[in-house]
Structures are given as structure tokens and as C-alpha cells.
C-alpha atoms as a PDB file:
ATOM      1  CA  MET A   1      28.950 -14.097 275.167  1.00  0.00           C
ATOM      2  CA  THR A   2      31.894 -16.413 274.320  1.00  0.00           C
ATOM      3  CA  ASP A   3      35.701 -15.905 274.454  1.00  0.00           C
ATOM      4  CA  GLN A   4      38.050 -18.784 273.844  1.00  0.00           C
ATOM      5  CA  LEU A   5      40.322 -17.825 276.779  1.00  0.00           C
ATOM      6  CA  LEU A   6      37.581 -16.581 279.101  1.00  0.00           C
ATOM      7  CA  GLY A   7      34.918 -19.318 278.614  1.00  0.00           C
ATOM      8  CA  ALA A   8      31.208 -18.635 277.800  1.00  0.00           C
ATOM      9  CA  ILE A   9      28.133 -17.126 279.436  1.00  0.00           C
ATOM     10  CA  VAL A  10      25.247 -19.484 278.712  1.00  0.00           C
ATOM     11  CA  GLY A  11      22.050 -18.175 279.950  1.00  0.00           C
ATOM     12  CA  LYS A  12      22.812 -16.854 283.289  1.00  0.00           C
ATOM     13  CA  ARG A  13      25.617 -19.284 284.031  1.00  0.00           C
ATOM     14  CA  HIS A  14      29.445 -18.960 283.099  1.00  0.00           C
ATOM     15  CA  ILE A  15      31.220 -22.000 281.862  1.00  0.00           C
ATOM     16  CA  TYR A  16      34.890 -22.042 282.133  1.00  0.00           C
ATOM     17  CA  PRO A  17      37.005 -24.855 280.673  1.00  0.00           C
ATOM     18  CA  LEU A  18      40.367 -25.929 281.982  1.00  0.00           C
ATOM     19  CA  CYS A  19      42.964 -28.609 281.965  1.00  0.00           C
ATOM     20  CA  VAL A  20      44.738 -29.854 285.076  1.00  0.00           C
ATOM     21  CA  PHE A  21      48.530 -29.354 284.708  1.00  0.00           C
ATOM     22  CA  TYR A  22      51.285 -30.874 286.557  1.00  0.00           C
ATOM     23  CA  GLU A  23      51.755 -27.794 288.631  1.00  0.00           C
ATOM     24  CA  ASP A  24      48.185 -28.123 289.891  1.00  0.00           C
ATOM     25  CA  THR A  25      48.895 -31.700 291.366  1.00  0.00           C
ATOM     26  CA  ASP A  26      50.636 -33.391 294.141  1.00  0.00           C
ATOM     27  CA  ALA A  27      53.311 -36.138 293.654  1.00  0.00           C
ATOM     28  CA  GLY A  28      50.562 -38.660 293.086  1.00  0.00           C
ATOM     29  CA  GLY A  29      48.896 -36.656 290.120  1.00  0.00           C
ATOM     30  CA  ILE A  30      45.891 -35.716 292.327  1.00  0.00           C
ATOM     31  CA  VAL A  31      44.825 -31.984 292.211  1.00  0.00           C
ATOM     32  CA  TYR A  32      45.982 -30.299 295.483  1.00  0.00           C
ATOM     33  CA  HIS A  33      42.991 -29.028 297.473  1.00  0.00           C
ATOM     34  CA  ALA A  34      43.812 -25.389 297.375  1.00  0.00           C
ATOM     35  CA  GLN A  35      44.063 -25.437 293.701  1.00  0.00           C
ATOM     36  CA  TYR A  36      40.284 -25.718 293.374  1.00  0.00           C
ATOM     37  CA  LEU A  37      40.000 -22.242 294.922  1.00  0.00           C
ATOM     38  CA  ALA A  38      42.432 -21.015 292.289  1.00  0.00           C
ATOM     39  CA  PHE A  39      40.369 -22.725 289.520  1.00  0.00           C
ATOM     40  CA  ALA A  40      37.179 -20.923 290.819  1.00  0.00           C
ATOM     41  CA  GLU A  41      38.978 -17.670 291.058  1.00  0.00           C
ATOM     42  CA  ARG A  42      40.001 -17.781 287.441  1.00  0.00           C
ATOM     43  CA  ALA A  43      36.505 -18.619 286.458  1.00  0.00           C
ATOM     44  CA  ARG A  44      34.846 -15.773 288.448  1.00  0.00           C
ATOM     45  CA  THR A  45      37.528 -13.298 286.845  1.00  0.00           C
ATOM     46  CA  SER A  46      36.932 -14.639 283.336  1.00  0.00           C
ATOM     47  CA  MET A  47      33.165 -14.129 283.997  1.00  0.00           C
ATOM     48  CA  ILE A  48      33.643 -10.568 285.229  1.00  0.00           C
ATOM     49  CA  ASN A  49      35.796  -9.859 282.186  1.00  0.00           C
ATOM     50  CA  LEU A  50      33.055 -11.189 279.774  1.00  0.00           C
ATOM     51  CA  LEU A  51      30.677  -8.913 281.422  1.00  0.00           C
ATOM     52  CA  GLY A  52      32.846  -6.012 280.466  1.00  0.00           C
ATOM     53  CA  PHE A  53      34.800  -5.266 283.621  1.00  0.00           C
ATOM     54  CA  SER A  54      38.219  -6.070 285.056  1.00  0.00           C
ATOM     55  CA  ASN A  55      39.518  -5.968 288.579  1.00  0.00           C
ATOM     56  CA  ARG A  56      41.940  -3.348 287.516  1.00  0.00           C
ATOM     57  CA  ASN A  57      39.264  -1.088 285.906  1.00  0.00           C
ATOM     58  CA  ILE A  58      36.895  -1.562 288.817  1.00  0.00           C
ATOM     59  CA  ALA A  59      39.636  -0.464 291.253  1.00  0.00           C
ATOM     60  CA  GLU A  60      40.610   2.686 288.979  1.00  0.00           C
ATOM     61  CA  ARG A  61      37.002   3.775 288.220  1.00  0.00           C
ATOM     62  CA  HIS A  62      35.334   3.270 291.565  1.00  0.00           C
ATOM     63  CA  LYS A  63      38.046   3.078 293.960  1.00  0.00           C
ATOM     64  CA  VAL A  64      36.800  -0.200 295.285  1.00  0.00           C
ATOM     65  CA  ALA A  65      38.046  -3.950 295.341  1.00  0.00           C
ATOM     66  CA  ILE A  66      36.051  -7.078 295.275  1.00  0.00           C
ATOM     67  CA  ALA A  67      37.473  -9.403 297.853  1.00  0.00           C
ATOM     68  CA  VAL A  68      36.569 -12.816 299.290  1.00  0.00           C
ATOM     69  CA  ARG A  69      34.700 -12.484 302.476  1.00  0.00           C
ATOM     70  CA  HIS A  70      33.651 -16.035 303.149  1.00  0.00           C
ATOM     71  CA  CYS A  71      33.655 -19.436 301.297  1.00  0.00           C
ATOM     72  CA  THR A  72      32.703 -23.139 301.976  1.00  0.00           C
ATOM     73  CA  VAL A  73      34.137 -25.788 299.863  1.00  0.00           C
ATOM     74  CA  ASP A  74      32.623 -29.308 299.585  1.00  0.00           C
ATOM     75  CA  PHE A  75      35.106 -31.699 298.117  1.00  0.00           C
ATOM     76  CA  ARG A  76      33.272 -34.778 296.605  1.00  0.00           C
ATOM     77  CA  ARG A  77      35.565 -36.290 294.292  1.00  0.00           C
ATOM     78  CA  THR A  78      39.167 -35.873 293.088  1.00  0.00           C
ATOM     79  CA  ALA A  79      40.588 -34.471 289.785  1.00  0.00           C
ATOM     80  CA  ARG A  80      43.776 -35.734 288.289  1.00  0.00           C
ATOM     81  CA  LEU A  81      46.422 -34.846 286.089  1.00  0.00           C
ATOM     82  CA  GLU A  82      45.449 -33.852 282.539  1.00  0.00           C
ATOM     83  CA  ASP A  83      41.727 -34.121 283.451  1.00  0.00           C
ATOM     84  CA  ARG A  84      39.528 -31.706 281.230  1.00  0.00           C
ATOM     85  CA  LEU A  85      37.230 -29.802 283.821  1.00  0.00           C
ATOM     86  CA  THR A  86      34.785 -27.135 283.694  1.00  0.00           C
ATOM     87  CA  VAL A  87      33.972 -24.680 286.289  1.00  0.00           C
ATOM     88  CA  GLU A  88      30.339 -23.544 286.290  1.00  0.00           C
ATOM     89  CA  SER A  89      29.645 -20.292 287.993  1.00  0.00           C
ATOM     90  CA  ARG A  90      26.362 -18.620 288.902  1.00  0.00           C
ATOM     91  CA  LEU A  91      25.577 -15.660 290.791  1.00  0.00           C
ATOM     92  CA  ILE A  92      23.127 -16.498 293.632  1.00  0.00           C
ATOM     93  CA  ARG A  93      22.872 -13.435 295.754  1.00  0.00           C
ATOM     94  CA  ILE A  94      23.430  -9.756 295.426  1.00  0.00           C
ATOM     95  CA  GLY A  95      23.521  -7.719 298.700  1.00  0.00           C
ATOM     96  CA  GLY A  96      24.238  -4.009 299.367  1.00  0.00           C
ATOM     97  CA  ALA A  97      27.900  -4.536 299.335  1.00  0.00           C
ATOM     98  CA  SER A  98      28.329  -8.194 298.430  1.00  0.00           C
ATOM     99  CA  LEU A  99      28.009 -10.849 295.717  1.00  0.00           C
ATOM    100  CA  GLY A 100      27.263 -14.538 296.299  1.00  0.00           C
ATOM    101  CA  PHE A 101      28.408 -17.185 293.844  1.00  0.00           C
ATOM    102  CA  GLU A 102      28.003 -20.986 293.655  1.00  0.00           C
ATOM    103  CA  GLN A 103      30.814 -22.619 291.592  1.00  0.00           C
ATOM    104  CA  LYS A 104      30.957 -26.258 290.566  1.00  0.00           C
ATOM    105  CA  ILE A 105      34.085 -27.746 289.272  1.00  0.00           C
ATOM    106  CA  MET A 106      33.020 -30.791 287.260  1.00  0.00           C
ATOM    107  CA  ARG A 107      34.441 -33.493 284.928  1.00  0.00           C
ATOM    108  CA  ASP A 108      32.129 -34.850 282.272  1.00  0.00           C
ATOM    109  CA  GLY A 109      29.035 -33.529 284.310  1.00  0.00           C
ATOM    110  CA  GLU A 110      30.165 -35.173 287.443  1.00  0.00           C
ATOM    111  CA  GLU A 111      30.464 -32.563 290.367  1.00  0.00           C
ATOM    112  CA  LEU A 112      33.934 -32.817 291.964  1.00  0.00           C
ATOM    113  CA  VAL A 113      33.879 -29.691 294.116  1.00  0.00           C
ATOM    114  CA  VAL A 114      31.017 -27.311 295.058  1.00  0.00           C
ATOM    115  CA  ILE A 115      32.132 -23.821 296.264  1.00  0.00           C
ATOM    116  CA  GLU A 116      29.934 -21.275 297.800  1.00  0.00           C
ATOM    117  CA  ILE A 117      31.631 -17.902 298.007  1.00  0.00           C
ATOM    118  CA  VAL A 118      30.796 -14.370 299.203  1.00  0.00           C
ATOM    119  CA  LEU A 119      32.592 -11.504 297.601  1.00  0.00           C
ATOM    120  CA  ALA A 120      32.709  -8.136 299.541  1.00  0.00           C
ATOM    121  CA  CYS A 121      32.963  -4.807 297.918  1.00  0.00           C
ATOM    122  CA  MET A 122      35.484  -2.621 299.882  1.00  0.00           C
ATOM    123  CA  SER A 123      36.873   0.773 299.629  1.00  0.00           C
ATOM    124  CA  LEU A 124      40.485   1.029 298.611  1.00  0.00           C
ATOM    125  CA  GLU A 125      40.620   3.983 301.027  1.00  0.00           C
ATOM    126  CA  THR A 126      39.332   2.830 304.180  1.00  0.00           C
ATOM    127  CA  PHE A 127      39.314  -1.120 303.525  1.00  0.00           C
ATOM    128  CA  ARG A 128      35.640  -1.303 304.766  1.00  0.00           C
ATOM    129  CA  ALA A 129      32.544  -2.531 303.237  1.00  0.00           C
ATOM    130  CA  GLN A 130      31.221  -0.149 300.459  1.00  0.00           C
ATOM    131  CA  ARG A 131      28.011  -0.391 298.508  1.00  0.00           C
ATOM    132  CA  LEU A 132      28.489  -2.052 295.096  1.00  0.00           C
ATOM    133  CA  PRO A 133      28.705   0.524 292.400  1.00  0.00           C
ATOM    134  CA  ASP A 134      25.545   0.939 290.482  1.00  0.00           C
ATOM    135  CA  GLU A 135      27.316   0.115 287.250  1.00  0.00           C
ATOM    136  CA  LEU A 136      28.346  -3.348 288.539  1.00  0.00           C
ATOM    137  CA  ARG A 137      25.035  -3.906 290.317  1.00  0.00           C
ATOM    138  CA  ASN A 138      23.012  -3.336 287.069  1.00  0.00           C
ATOM    139  CA  VAL A 139      25.181  -5.519 285.025  1.00  0.00           C
ATOM    140  CA  PHE A 140      25.208  -8.345 287.718  1.00  0.00           C
ATOM    141  CA  SER A 141      21.563  -8.160 288.251  1.00  0.00           C
ATOM    142  CA  ASP A 142      20.856  -9.473 284.694  1.00  0.00           C
ATOM    143  CA  TYR A 143      22.736 -12.624 285.644  1.00  0.00           C
ATOM    144  CA  LEU A 144      21.328 -13.337 289.072  1.00  0.00           C
ATOM    145  CA  ASP A 145      20.428 -16.901 289.092  1.00  0.00           C
ATOM    146  CA  VAL A 146      18.320 -18.115 292.176  1.00  0.00           C
ATOM    147  CA  ASN A 147      17.115 -21.325 290.403  1.00  0.00           C
ATOM    148  CA  GLU A 148      18.334 -24.607 291.945  1.00  0.00           C
ATOM    149  CA  GLY A 149      20.779 -26.767 289.999  1.00  0.00           C
END
């Protein structure tokens, strides 16, 4: 699956291209640390869209939201203004009410930032954890990638 704006799913991984804009950087032209989380969010949202869902239709149809529960960020190298980057996302865990992703932000194949993030499915009525809807679980199961690298 490919969409020019949403990236591409290659095998079980989603590849999302992006360019670092001025708004993403500090005065020295270095990507601001929190911006990497925004890049990862864009990539995950694009992957979900390519799989046939949107955050809005998940909320409307299933009365749930998918929210960040936990994340770790390993900053290895810096990105700079006008760098061309890719975010490679892979689903590494499916729990009863959660999804675990590994996301690598890269420049020319070099890992700049590695993020592990756990998303929780929560009821929009009670704001408590709720089992992932079967429709989502079934689609995401096809993209579970437990292989290293």
C-alpha cells in the first residue's frame, strides 16, 4: 500500500518520508527534541490511515480513543534543517487493550532516534482501558512484526 502523503507499507513496516522544516528546529537549525515525537505521531497516524482507519472513525464507530500510555526515546544523532528523513514504524506487540510500536527516525539509513511506544485503547465514556475492537485487532494482527531489525 502506498499513498504519496501517507508513505508506504512495505511488508509489515510503514515507511514515512518527511523533510525537516524551519519550524521543527531551534535557532541553530537542530531538530528540537520534542519534534521527534511529533514525527513519530504523524507516521503512526499515516500507517493507521493506510490500513483503512482514522482516529475520527475509530472514535465514532467504536467509542474509543487510542492514546499514548508509555514511551521511551533513545536520541542517537541529531537531525538538521532541510534533512530528508524517514520514519520506519513496526508493530511489535498487541495486547488486550494496547498496541506496541518501535519507530526509527533515520537519515540515509542511519538511525537518529529510536522510539518504543505503547498505545492504549480507552473508552470515550469512562476514559478507562478497553479491549481493542476486533476490527482493529484483526487488521493490526496482519502487520505484527516481532522480528528484530
